[in-house]
Amino acid sequence: MRRAILTAAAVLLCALAFGQESRINEILSSLRDSRVSFSYSCTVMEQNVPIKLDGRIKAQGDCYYACGNGLEFYCDGKTRWTVDPEAKEVYIEKAGGLAELLGMQDELKDLKVSDLKREGMSDNLEAFKFNTTLLDRSWVVTDLRTE
């Protein structure tokens, strides 16, 4: 399951850098001074099996929130939370922002980006963080960060 979650996270963020090139360049340049959000759909190949993904991404600088196919991803540029609400699981890992997940472009097929919206930059980054202290005891939280 962990491999599937990491693959899904990478695919969600690859939508920021590859595919509809002129539109994507527009999005990437907007991240310097705006908060952007958009919907995406694509197919990724995992062990020669096509997996269809769709969802929504909100990003600002190196921070992002992505949701799709039942998973949620929060990243404040330093920490990434991968949340599976149905399984009640959270993985916490060190993150390198958007750049860390842009290497899977060869596995993406049929990427479509739509419903692009821009907002002003905000100092409030709470939308890109996941607060595990609000979870009850039925959740499994796995912290994979190492000092």
Foldseek 3Di string as FASTA:
>chain_A
DVVVLLVVVLVQLLLLPDDPHVVSVVSVVLLAWWWKKWKKWWWFADPNDTDIKIWMKIHHNLWIWTDIPQWIWADPQFKIWIARVVQQEIEIETDRGSVVRNPRRVRIGDMDIDDMDIDGDDPDRVVRDDDPVPDDPSHHYHYPYDD
